[in-house]
C-alpha atoms as a PDB file:
ATOM      1  CA  MET A   1       0.016  -0.012   0.019  1.00  0.00           C
ATOM      2  CA  SER A   2       1.470   3.411  -0.933  1.00  0.00           C
ATOM      3  CA  ALA A   3       2.159   6.318   1.265  1.00  0.00           C
ATOM      4  CA  LEU A   4      -0.553   8.921   2.035  1.00  0.00           C
ATOM      5  CA  PRO A   5      -0.117  11.881  -0.390  1.00  0.00           C
ATOM      6  CA  CYS A   6       0.176  14.436   2.498  1.00  0.00           C
ATOM      7  CA  SER A   7       1.480  14.427   5.909  1.00  0.00           C
ATOM      8  CA  LEU A   8      -1.085  13.141   8.481  1.00  0.00           C
ATOM      9  CA  ALA A   9      -1.098  13.017  12.175  1.00  0.00           C
ATOM     10  CA  ILE A  10      -3.845  10.997  14.045  1.00  0.00           C
ATOM     11  CA  ILE A  11      -4.715  12.419  17.423  1.00  0.00           C
ATOM     12  CA  ILE A  12      -6.458  10.222  20.048  1.00  0.00           C
ATOM     13  CA  PRO A  13      -7.597  11.705  23.453  1.00  0.00           C
ATOM     14  CA  ALA A  14      -7.714   8.677  25.969  1.00  0.00           C
ATOM     15  CA  LEU A  15      -8.756   8.132  29.592  1.00  0.00           C
ATOM     16  CA  ASP A  16      -8.803   4.445  30.757  1.00  0.00           C
ATOM     17  CA  ALA A  17      -9.216   3.101  27.339  1.00  0.00           C
ATOM     18  CA  ALA A  18      -7.274  -0.193  27.511  1.00  0.00           C
ATOM     19  CA  ALA A  19     -10.299  -2.230  26.596  1.00  0.00           C
ATOM     20  CA  TYR A  20     -10.751  -0.519  23.373  1.00  0.00           C
ATOM     21  CA  LEU A  21      -7.253   0.834  22.305  1.00  0.00           C
ATOM     22  CA  PRO A  22      -5.675  -2.157  20.778  1.00  0.00           C
ATOM     23  CA  ALA A  23      -8.389  -2.546  18.140  1.00  0.00           C
ATOM     24  CA  THR A  24      -8.398   1.155  17.367  1.00  0.00           C
ATOM     25  CA  LEU A  25      -4.594   1.176  16.918  1.00  0.00           C
ATOM     26  CA  ALA A  26      -4.557  -2.068  14.933  1.00  0.00           C
ATOM     27  CA  ALA A  27      -6.866  -0.547  12.281  1.00  0.00           C
ATOM     28  CA  LEU A  28      -4.823   2.626  12.046  1.00  0.00           C
ATOM     29  CA  ARG A  29      -1.477   0.774  11.805  1.00  0.00           C
ATOM     30  CA  ALA A  30      -2.861  -1.395   8.969  1.00  0.00           C
ATOM     31  CA  GLU A  31      -3.211   1.568   6.726  1.00  0.00           C
ATOM     32  CA  ALA A  32      -1.445   4.518   8.401  1.00  0.00           C
ATOM     33  CA  ASN A  33       1.469   4.320   5.841  1.00  0.00           C
ATOM     34  CA  GLY A  34       3.861   6.610   7.910  1.00  0.00           C
ATOM     35  CA  ALA A  35       1.099   8.861   9.489  1.00  0.00           C
ATOM     36  CA  ALA A  36       2.079   9.772  13.021  1.00  0.00           C
ATOM     37  CA  ILE A  37      -0.312   8.361  15.858  1.00  0.00           C
ATOM     38  CA  ILE A  38      -0.350  10.662  18.956  1.00  0.00           C
ATOM     39  CA  LEU A  39      -2.295   9.468  21.918  1.00  0.00           C
ATOM     40  CA  VAL A  40      -2.864  12.139  24.433  1.00  0.00           C
ATOM     41  CA  ASP A  41      -3.616  10.542  27.894  1.00  0.00           C
ATOM     42  CA  GLY A  42      -5.620  12.307  30.635  1.00  0.00           C
ATOM     43  CA  ALA A  43      -4.040  10.337  33.507  1.00  0.00           C
ATOM     44  CA  SER A  44      -5.340   6.954  33.030  1.00  0.00           C
ATOM     45  CA  GLY A  45      -5.271   4.423  35.844  1.00  0.00           C
ATOM     46  CA  ASP A  46      -5.163   1.388  33.555  1.00  0.00           C
ATOM     47  CA  ALA A  47      -2.726   0.210  30.804  1.00  0.00           C
ATOM     48  CA  THR A  48      -3.664   2.792  28.315  1.00  0.00           C
ATOM     49  CA  ARG A  49      -0.179   4.334  27.922  1.00  0.00           C
ATOM     50  CA  ALA A  50       1.572   1.045  27.952  1.00  0.00           C
ATOM     51  CA  LEU A  51      -0.749  -0.280  25.139  1.00  0.00           C
ATOM     52  CA  ALA A  52      -0.435   2.938  23.249  1.00  0.00           C
ATOM     53  CA  GLU A  53       3.383   2.754  23.082  1.00  0.00           C
ATOM     54  CA  ALA A  54       3.172  -1.028  22.128  1.00  0.00           C
ATOM     55  CA  GLY A  55       0.839  -0.146  19.278  1.00  0.00           C
ATOM     56  CA  GLY A  56       3.181   2.383  17.828  1.00  0.00           C
ATOM     57  CA  ALA A  57       1.764   5.594  19.203  1.00  0.00           C
ATOM     58  CA  ARG A  58       3.523   8.463  20.606  1.00  0.00           C
ATOM     59  CA  VAL A  59       2.202   9.224  24.170  1.00  0.00           C
ATOM     60  CA  TRP A  60       1.558  12.668  25.590  1.00  0.00           C
ATOM     61  CA  LEU A  61       0.046  13.703  28.742  1.00  0.00           C
ATOM     62  CA  ALA A  62      -2.394  16.471  29.314  1.00  0.00           C
ATOM     63  CA  GLY A  63      -4.996  17.692  31.810  1.00  0.00           C
ATOM     64  CA  ARG A  64      -8.191  15.630  31.721  1.00  0.00           C
ATOM     65  CA  GLY A  65     -10.926  16.710  29.278  1.00  0.00           C
ATOM     66  CA  ARG A  66     -11.198  15.813  25.654  1.00  0.00           C
ATOM     67  CA  GLY A  67     -10.862  19.501  24.278  1.00  0.00           C
ATOM     68  CA  ARG A  68      -7.811  19.951  26.375  1.00  0.00           C
ATOM     69  CA  GLN A  69      -6.326  16.791  25.309  1.00  0.00           C
ATOM     70  CA  LEU A  70      -7.003  17.213  21.602  1.00  0.00           C
ATOM     71  CA  ALA A  71      -5.612  20.657  21.675  1.00  0.00           C
ATOM     72  CA  ALA A  72      -2.347  19.232  23.197  1.00  0.00           C
ATOM     73  CA  GLY A  73      -2.161  16.640  20.520  1.00  0.00           C
ATOM     74  CA  VAL A  74      -2.765  19.276  17.868  1.00  0.00           C
ATOM     75  CA  GLY A  75       0.084  21.334  19.371  1.00  0.00           C
ATOM     76  CA  ALA A  76       2.524  18.368  19.277  1.00  0.00           C
ATOM     77  CA  ALA A  77       1.641  17.316  15.865  1.00  0.00           C
ATOM     78  CA  ARG A  78       3.720  18.385  12.836  1.00  0.00           C
ATOM     79  CA  ALA A  79       1.516  17.415   9.896  1.00  0.00           C
ATOM     80  CA  GLU A  80      -0.484  19.130   7.031  1.00  0.00           C
ATOM     81  CA  PHE A  81      -3.572  17.125   7.914  1.00  0.00           C
ATOM     82  CA  LEU A  82      -4.964  16.106  11.365  1.00  0.00           C
ATOM     83  CA  LEU A  83      -7.393  13.246  12.099  1.00  0.00           C
ATOM     84  CA  LEU A  84      -9.115  13.526  15.494  1.00  0.00           C
ATOM     85  CA  LEU A  85     -10.363  10.206  16.678  1.00  0.00           C
ATOM     86  CA  HIS A  86     -11.927   8.791  19.958  1.00  0.00           C
ATOM     87  CA  ALA A  87     -10.028   5.887  21.514  1.00  0.00           C
ATOM     88  CA  ASP A  88     -13.043   3.571  21.261  1.00  0.00           C
ATOM     89  CA  THR A  89     -13.719   4.142  17.605  1.00  0.00           C
ATOM     90  CA  THR A  90     -12.294   1.719  14.997  1.00  0.00           C
ATOM     91  CA  LEU A  91     -12.086   2.792  11.382  1.00  0.00           C
ATOM     92  CA  ALA A  92     -13.281   0.234   8.893  1.00  0.00           C
ATOM     93  CA  PRO A  93     -10.881  -1.046   6.131  1.00  0.00           C
ATOM     94  CA  GLY A  94     -10.287   1.264   3.339  1.00  0.00           C
ATOM     95  CA  TRP A  95     -10.278   4.349   5.476  1.00  0.00           C
ATOM     96  CA  SER A  96      -6.876   5.615   4.179  1.00  0.00           C
ATOM     97  CA  GLU A  97      -8.105   5.625   0.631  1.00  0.00           C
ATOM     98  CA  GLU A  98     -11.063   8.050   1.455  1.00  0.00           C
ATOM     99  CA  VAL A  99      -8.741  10.202   3.504  1.00  0.00           C
ATOM    100  CA  ALA A 100      -6.195  10.220   0.671  1.00  0.00           C
ATOM    101  CA  ARG A 101      -8.854  11.423  -1.801  1.00  0.00           C
ATOM    102  CA  PHE A 102     -10.007  14.103   0.580  1.00  0.00           C
ATOM    103  CA  MET A 103      -6.532  15.434   1.179  1.00  0.00           C
ATOM    104  CA  THR A 104      -5.593  15.660  -2.497  1.00  0.00           C
ATOM    105  CA  ALA A 105      -9.026  17.567  -3.475  1.00  0.00           C
ATOM    106  CA  PRO A 106      -8.536  21.206  -4.345  1.00  0.00           C
ATOM    107  CA  GLU A 107     -10.717  22.401  -1.565  1.00  0.00           C
ATOM    108  CA  ALA A 108      -9.276  20.226   1.118  1.00  0.00           C
ATOM    109  CA  HIS A 109      -7.715  23.125   3.003  1.00  0.00           C
ATOM    110  CA  ALA A 110     -11.028  24.715   3.599  1.00  0.00           C
ATOM    111  CA  ARG A 111     -13.149  21.847   4.565  1.00  0.00           C
ATOM    112  CA  ALA A 112     -13.317  19.008   7.106  1.00  0.00           C
ATOM    113  CA  GLY A 113     -14.497  15.390   6.746  1.00  0.00           C
ATOM    114  CA  TYR A 114     -16.215  12.901   9.067  1.00  0.00           C
ATOM    115  CA  PHE A 115     -16.832   9.074   9.039  1.00  0.00           C
ATOM    116  CA  ARG A 116     -20.196   7.282   9.058  1.00  0.00           C
ATOM    117  CA  PHE A 117     -21.192   6.543  12.748  1.00  0.00           C
ATOM    118  CA  THR A 118     -21.827   2.762  13.358  1.00  0.00           C
ATOM    119  CA  LEU A 119     -21.959   0.860  16.692  1.00  0.00           C
ATOM    120  CA  ASP A 120     -20.559  -2.601  17.176  1.00  0.00           C
ATOM    121  CA  SER A 121     -23.940  -4.054  17.751  1.00  0.00           C
ATOM    122  CA  GLU A 122     -26.637  -5.902  15.650  1.00  0.00           C
ATOM    123  CA  ALA A 123     -29.436  -4.540  17.807  1.00  0.00           C
ATOM    124  CA  ARG A 124     -32.165  -2.791  16.041  1.00  0.00           C
ATOM    125  CA  ALA A 125     -31.588   0.163  18.358  1.00  0.00           C
ATOM    126  CA  ALA A 126     -28.104   0.460  17.180  1.00  0.00           C
ATOM    127  CA  ARG A 127     -29.246   0.768  13.463  1.00  0.00           C
ATOM    128  CA  TRP A 128     -31.887   3.290  14.506  1.00  0.00           C
ATOM    129  CA  LEU A 129     -29.323   5.401  16.265  1.00  0.00           C
ATOM    130  CA  ALA A 130     -26.910   5.272  13.430  1.00  0.00           C
ATOM    131  CA  GLY A 131     -29.639   6.658  11.139  1.00  0.00           C
ATOM    132  CA  LEU A 132     -30.489   9.372  13.559  1.00  0.00           C
ATOM    133  CA  VAL A 133     -26.696  10.301  13.833  1.00  0.00           C
ATOM    134  CA  ALA A 134     -26.444  10.317  10.091  1.00  0.00           C
ATOM    135  CA  TRP A 135     -29.429  12.875   9.956  1.00  0.00           C
ATOM    136  CA  ARG A 136     -27.993  15.145  12.708  1.00  0.00           C
ATOM    137  CA  ALA A 137     -24.563  15.312  10.974  1.00  0.00           C
ATOM    138  CA  ARG A 138     -25.956  15.992   7.524  1.00  0.00           C
ATOM    139  CA  VAL A 139     -28.883  18.188   8.308  1.00  0.00           C
ATOM    140  CA  LEU A 140     -27.645  20.067  11.474  1.00  0.00           C
ATOM    141  CA  GLY A 141     -24.025  19.982  10.591  1.00  0.00           C
ATOM    142  CA  LEU A 142     -23.222  18.332  13.830  1.00  0.00           C
ATOM    143  CA  PRO A 143     -20.951  15.204  13.534  1.00  0.00           C
ATOM    144  CA  TYR A 144     -19.757  14.068  16.971  1.00  0.00           C
ATOM    145  CA  GLY A 145     -16.174  13.079  18.061  1.00  0.00           C
ATOM    146  CA  ASP A 146     -16.970   9.407  17.595  1.00  0.00           C
ATOM    147  CA  GLN A 147     -17.247   9.964  13.867  1.00  0.00           C
ATOM    148  CA  GLY A 148     -13.714  11.260  13.721  1.00  0.00           C
ATOM    149  CA  LEU A 149     -12.725  14.599  12.062  1.00  0.00           C
ATOM    150  CA  LEU A 150     -10.182  15.086   9.282  1.00  0.00           C
ATOM    151  CA  VAL A 151      -9.113  18.574   8.843  1.00  0.00           C
ATOM    152  CA  ALA A 152      -6.068  20.627   7.573  1.00  0.00           C
ATOM    153  CA  ALA A 153      -4.038  21.908  10.446  1.00  0.00           C
ATOM    154  CA  GLU A 154      -4.033  25.401   8.965  1.00  0.00           C
ATOM    155  CA  PHE A 155      -7.752  25.488   8.510  1.00  0.00           C
ATOM    156  CA  LEU A 156      -8.195  24.261  12.102  1.00  0.00           C
ATOM    157  CA  ALA A 157      -5.955  27.100  13.406  1.00  0.00           C
ATOM    158  CA  GLU A 158      -7.962  29.736  11.283  1.00  0.00           C
ATOM    159  CA  ARG A 159     -11.142  28.408  12.896  1.00  0.00           C
ATOM    160  CA  GLY A 160      -9.721  28.949  16.414  1.00  0.00           C
ATOM    161  CA  GLY A 161      -8.403  25.463  17.053  1.00  0.00           C
ATOM    162  CA  VAL A 162     -10.005  22.857  19.281  1.00  0.00           C
ATOM    163  CA  PRO A 163     -12.213  24.509  21.969  1.00  0.00           C
ATOM    164  CA  LEU A 164     -10.863  23.755  25.460  1.00  0.00           C
ATOM    165  CA  LEU A 165     -14.037  22.221  26.770  1.00  0.00           C
ATOM    166  CA  PRO A 166     -14.306  19.122  28.942  1.00  0.00           C
ATOM    167  CA  LEU A 167     -17.280  17.993  26.900  1.00  0.00           C
ATOM    168  CA  MET A 168     -19.198  19.287  23.797  1.00  0.00           C
ATOM    169  CA  GLU A 169     -15.830  20.279  22.138  1.00  0.00           C
ATOM    170  CA  ASP A 170     -16.907  18.297  19.121  1.00  0.00           C
ATOM    171  CA  VAL A 171     -20.099  20.217  18.767  1.00  0.00           C
ATOM    172  CA  ALA A 172     -18.378  23.601  19.406  1.00  0.00           C
ATOM    173  CA  LEU A 173     -15.753  22.567  16.662  1.00  0.00           C
ATOM    174  CA  SER A 174     -18.395  21.525  14.111  1.00  0.00           C
ATOM    175  CA  ARG A 175     -20.095  24.980  14.644  1.00  0.00           C
ATOM    176  CA  ARG A 176     -16.997  26.844  14.004  1.00  0.00           C
ATOM    177  CA  ILE A 177     -16.267  24.909  10.786  1.00  0.00           C
ATOM    178  CA  GLY A 178     -19.903  25.267   9.590  1.00  0.00           C
ATOM    179  CA  ARG A 179     -22.293  22.771   7.927  1.00  0.00           C
ATOM    180  CA  ALA A 180     -21.367  23.822   4.400  1.00  0.00           C
ATOM    181  CA  ARG A 181     -17.725  22.894   4.956  1.00  0.00           C
ATOM    182  CA  LEU A 182     -18.308  19.442   6.414  1.00  0.00           C
ATOM    183  CA  VAL A 183     -17.951  16.400   4.176  1.00  0.00           C
ATOM    184  CA  ALA A 184     -19.454  12.991   4.864  1.00  0.00           C
ATOM    185  CA  PHE A 185     -17.271   9.904   4.151  1.00  0.00           C
ATOM    186  CA  GLU A 186     -18.758   6.565   3.378  1.00  0.00           C
ATOM    187  CA  THR A 187     -16.201   4.597   5.522  1.00  0.00           C
ATOM    188  CA  ARG A 188     -17.662   3.446   8.900  1.00  0.00           C
ATOM    189  CA  ALA A 189     -16.292   4.600  12.234  1.00  0.00           C
ATOM    190  CA  ILE A 190     -17.250   1.670  14.413  1.00  0.00           C
ATOM    191  CA  THR A 191     -17.749   2.727  18.031  1.00  0.00           C
ATOM    192  CA  SER A 192     -18.156   0.538  21.060  1.00  0.00           C
ATOM    193  CA  ALA A 193     -21.729   0.113  22.189  1.00  0.00           C
ATOM    194  CA  VAL A 194     -20.725  -0.668  25.870  1.00  0.00           C
ATOM    195  CA  ARG A 195     -22.134   2.501  27.154  1.00  0.00           C
ATOM    196  CA  TRP A 196     -25.493   1.970  25.508  1.00  0.00           C
ATOM    197  CA  ARG A 197     -25.636  -1.591  26.661  1.00  0.00           C
ATOM    198  CA  ARG A 198     -24.796  -0.531  30.328  1.00  0.00           C
ATOM    199  CA  ASP A 199     -27.150   2.380  30.602  1.00  0.00           C
ATOM    200  CA  GLY A 200     -29.824   1.279  28.150  1.00  0.00           C
ATOM    201  CA  TRP A 201     -30.326   2.300  24.587  1.00  0.00           C
ATOM    202  CA  LEU A 202     -33.191   4.662  25.197  1.00  0.00           C
ATOM    203  CA  ARG A 203     -31.664   6.186  28.399  1.00  0.00           C
ATOM    204  CA  ARG A 204     -28.353   6.789  26.903  1.00  0.00           C
ATOM    205  CA  SER A 205     -29.607   8.461  23.896  1.00  0.00           C
ATOM    206  CA  ALA A 206     -31.920  10.584  25.775  1.00  0.00           C
ATOM    207  CA  ARG A 207     -28.983  11.640  27.960  1.00  0.00           C
ATOM    208  CA  ASN A 208     -26.827  12.573  24.946  1.00  0.00           C
ATOM    209  CA  LEU A 209     -29.620  14.636  23.492  1.00  0.00           C
ATOM    210  CA  LEU A 210     -30.360  16.417  26.803  1.00  0.00           C
ATOM    211  CA  CYS A 211     -26.585  17.282  26.907  1.00  0.00           C
ATOM    212  CA  LEU A 212     -26.718  18.828  23.387  1.00  0.00           C
ATOM    213  CA  GLY A 213     -29.891  20.693  24.356  1.00  0.00           C
ATOM    214  CA  LEU A 214     -28.393  22.166  27.513  1.00  0.00           C
ATOM    215  CA  TYR A 215     -25.295  23.127  25.642  1.00  0.00           C
ATOM    216  CA  HIS A 216     -27.225  25.142  23.145  1.00  0.00           C
ATOM    217  CA  LEU A 217     -29.145  26.773  26.031  1.00  0.00           C
ATOM    218  CA  GLY A 218     -25.771  28.071  27.333  1.00  0.00           C
ATOM    219  CA  LEU A 219     -25.263  25.641  30.298  1.00  0.00           C
ATOM    220  CA  PRO A 220     -21.462  25.529  31.142  1.00  0.00           C
ATOM    221  CA  PRO A 221     -19.879  22.559  29.638  1.00  0.00           C
ATOM    222  CA  TRP A 222     -18.177  21.526  32.908  1.00  0.00           C
ATOM    223  CA  LEU A 223     -21.590  21.106  34.412  1.00  0.00           C
ATOM    224  CA  ILE A 224     -22.911  19.214  31.366  1.00  0.00           C
ATOM    225  CA  ALA A 225     -19.928  16.827  31.702  1.00  0.00           C
ATOM    226  CA  ARG A 226     -21.008  16.046  35.271  1.00  0.00           C
ATOM    227  CA  LEU A 227     -24.529  15.142  34.024  1.00  0.00           C
ATOM    228  CA  TYR A 228     -22.974  13.098  31.148  1.00  0.00           C
ATOM    229  CA  GLY A 229     -20.785  11.045  33.590  1.00  0.00           C
END
């Protein structure tokens, strides 16, 4: 497999992600073709850092909070393009081909791309939720972090960088970019359904929707993070 046409850094914020990280890193290593993988750890109490190093990632430490961790990773990266990705999200085979097409497009430095949300579950609720997420991303212009985000480093800086929020940083960043500049990829981003299985499909989805509504009403993100758990 040939190298990616532009320099790419993959940035993963993580906290106690040992259960998910090996699969995430394996999917990246299979097609990374020289891309840097930077894991930013928020003081995990498990084997996250050791697994990241064993999986070929560079490990950085930052204060807890996805926005802060992502911003630290962006600051550490030296690449033309950045892929922001959650630790419990595995990209389906072929992701690098779609990423390469995006990075070589004439308008790539003024847009951002995101993957197709999928849960690792055969439950009917999982398919329903994936459809709802696709609608939210396409119509409202609000892809979440578990869909990944591919963006040129220069364009991200022009838009103010990653918001330093403990939660809802993905929503804030999508709003900074703007719906017209967001591109939907066909490649699946397969996210662990463990939180939905644990909390209940309806209850977890309702909590996520409540957090989004409270954010738009102006509730401080640190308070929303406590509700989110």
